[in-house]
Amino acid sequence: MKYWVKQVDKVVAFWRAKDLGSTAKVVEESITVDPNRFNHIFNKVEHSLEGLVRKFGSEEKAYSAVQKAANSALKQGKLTPNTNGILPNGNNGNIITVGGMPVRLIGGKVDNGKVIISSFSRKGL
């Protein structure tokens, strides 16, 4: 069983073919999340994610918002993956802003220019 998490703000890319002068394609992305990972993130009280879930309306939407913010932070050079693309773990995890709230990414990796989330938390932030 897999959870399908739909982006809060649909990721829609318009590719304009300059030489053709027309919109070529519309793409919508979905995120696949392992249910064990999803449960680990949201069912640990010590992750202190109640406010984030309340702000976005559901665990799925909160996850999607964190994913979007993590990818944005990566593009802006704000994340610190090692040479193998692995992100810092534990209290050394990168802190990103999600809907005006600080969130610590715990581990994860960068693959093909996108962040693969391992876990995240607001504990102590």
Protein backbone atom coordinates (compact mmCIF):
# COMPACT_ATOMS: atom_id res chain seq x y z
CA MET A 1 0.00 0.00 0.00
CA LYS A 2 1.28 3.48 -0.88
CA TYR A 3 0.02 6.95 -0.04
CA TRP A 4 -0.35 9.29 -2.96
CA VAL A 5 0.19 12.83 -1.80
CA LYS A 6 -0.96 15.50 -4.20
CA GLN A 7 0.96 18.75 -4.18
CA VAL A 8 -0.90 21.53 -2.33
CA ASP A 9 -0.12 23.95 -5.13
CA LYS A 10 -0.14 21.71 -8.17
CA VAL A 11 3.25 21.57 -9.76
CA VAL A 12 2.38 22.51 -13.29
CA ALA A 13 5.11 23.25 -15.76
CA PHE A 14 4.47 24.92 -19.10
CA TRP A 15 7.21 24.25 -21.58
CA ARG A 16 7.20 26.90 -24.27
CA ALA A 17 8.73 25.82 -27.52
CA LYS A 18 10.20 29.14 -28.67
CA ASP A 19 10.68 28.12 -32.25
CA LEU A 20 7.13 26.66 -32.39
CA GLY A 21 5.59 29.58 -30.52
CA SER A 22 3.16 27.36 -28.61
CA THR A 23 2.71 25.66 -25.25
CA ALA A 24 3.98 22.13 -25.74
CA LYS A 25 3.05 20.20 -22.62
CA VAL A 26 1.48 20.41 -19.16
CA VAL A 27 2.92 18.13 -16.46
CA GLU A 28 1.48 17.37 -13.00
CA GLU A 29 3.61 15.66 -10.36
CA SER A 30 2.60 13.35 -7.54
CA ILE A 31 4.67 12.21 -4.59
CA THR A 32 4.81 8.57 -3.53
CA VAL A 33 5.41 8.13 0.21
CA ASP A 34 6.13 4.83 1.92
CA PRO A 35 3.39 4.34 4.56
CA ASN A 36 5.95 3.36 7.23
CA ARG A 37 7.89 6.58 6.63
CA PHE A 38 4.69 8.62 6.63
CA ASN A 39 3.60 7.05 9.94
CA HIS A 40 7.06 7.54 11.44
CA ILE A 41 6.97 11.24 10.63
CA PHE A 42 3.45 12.07 11.78
CA ASN A 43 2.77 9.54 14.55
CA LYS A 44 5.76 10.52 16.69
CA VAL A 45 4.50 13.11 19.18
CA GLU A 46 8.07 14.33 19.76
CA HIS A 47 8.20 15.57 16.15
CA SER A 48 5.80 18.35 17.24
CA LEU A 49 4.03 18.57 13.88
CA GLU A 50 0.50 19.33 15.14
CA GLY A 51 0.76 23.04 14.27
CA LEU A 52 2.09 22.29 10.79
CA VAL A 53 -0.73 19.81 10.12
CA ARG A 54 -3.29 22.30 11.45
CA LYS A 55 -1.87 25.06 9.24
CA PHE A 56 -2.08 22.96 6.06
CA GLY A 57 -5.27 21.04 6.92
CA SER A 58 -3.97 17.47 6.75
CA GLU A 59 -0.86 15.35 7.14
CA GLU A 60 -0.76 14.82 3.38
CA LYS A 61 -0.85 18.53 2.63
CA ALA A 62 1.75 19.24 5.33
CA TYR A 63 4.06 16.60 3.83
CA SER A 64 3.56 18.07 0.39
CA ALA A 65 4.39 21.56 1.68
CA VAL A 66 7.59 20.29 3.33
CA GLN A 67 8.56 18.50 0.11
CA LYS A 68 8.00 21.64 -1.94
CA ALA A 69 9.96 23.80 0.54
CA ALA A 70 12.82 21.28 0.66
CA ASN A 71 13.15 21.24 -3.13
CA SER A 72 13.03 25.04 -3.18
CA ALA A 73 15.73 25.26 -0.48
CA LEU A 74 17.88 22.86 -2.48
CA LYS A 75 17.57 25.00 -5.62
CA GLN A 76 18.49 28.07 -3.56
CA GLY A 77 21.62 26.35 -2.19
CA LYS A 78 20.33 26.32 1.39
CA LEU A 79 20.74 22.55 1.96
CA THR A 80 24.04 20.85 2.72
CA PRO A 81 24.15 17.36 1.17
CA ASN A 82 27.50 15.56 1.29
CA THR A 83 29.30 14.41 -1.86
CA ASN A 84 27.00 11.36 -2.03
CA GLY A 85 23.87 13.52 -1.81
CA ILE A 86 23.09 12.50 1.80
CA LEU A 87 21.57 15.24 3.97
CA PRO A 88 22.61 15.78 7.61
CA ASN A 89 20.85 13.70 10.27
CA GLY A 90 19.53 14.40 13.78
CA ASN A 91 20.11 17.83 15.31
CA ASN A 92 22.48 18.65 12.43
CA GLY A 93 19.60 18.50 9.93
CA ASN A 94 18.96 21.50 7.75
CA ILE A 95 16.20 23.85 8.95
CA ILE A 96 13.85 25.11 6.25
CA THR A 97 10.82 27.39 6.39
CA VAL A 98 7.47 25.82 5.56
CA GLY A 99 4.46 28.13 5.57
CA GLY A 100 6.31 30.53 7.86
CA MET A 101 7.25 27.74 10.31
CA PRO A 102 10.75 26.31 10.86
CA VAL A 103 11.05 22.59 10.10
CA ARG A 104 14.17 20.45 10.50
CA LEU A 105 14.86 17.90 7.78
CA ILE A 106 16.25 14.74 9.39
CA GLY A 107 18.42 12.84 6.95
CA GLY A 108 17.23 12.14 3.46
CA LYS A 109 19.10 12.53 0.23
CA VAL A 110 19.24 14.43 -3.00
CA ASP A 111 18.58 12.43 -6.14
CA ASN A 112 18.27 13.89 -9.64
CA GLY A 113 17.97 17.41 -8.26
CA LYS A 114 15.13 16.58 -5.85
CA VAL A 115 15.06 15.98 -2.11
CA ILE A 116 13.99 12.54 -0.96
CA ILE A 117 12.71 13.13 2.56
CA SER A 118 13.62 10.65 5.26
CA SER A 119 11.96 12.45 8.16
CA PHE A 120 11.31 15.91 9.56
CA SER A 121 10.46 17.50 12.88
CA ARG A 122 9.71 20.78 14.64
CA LYS A 123 11.09 19.53 17.97
CA GLY A 124 12.96 22.30 19.75
CA LEU A 125 12.30 24.88 17.04
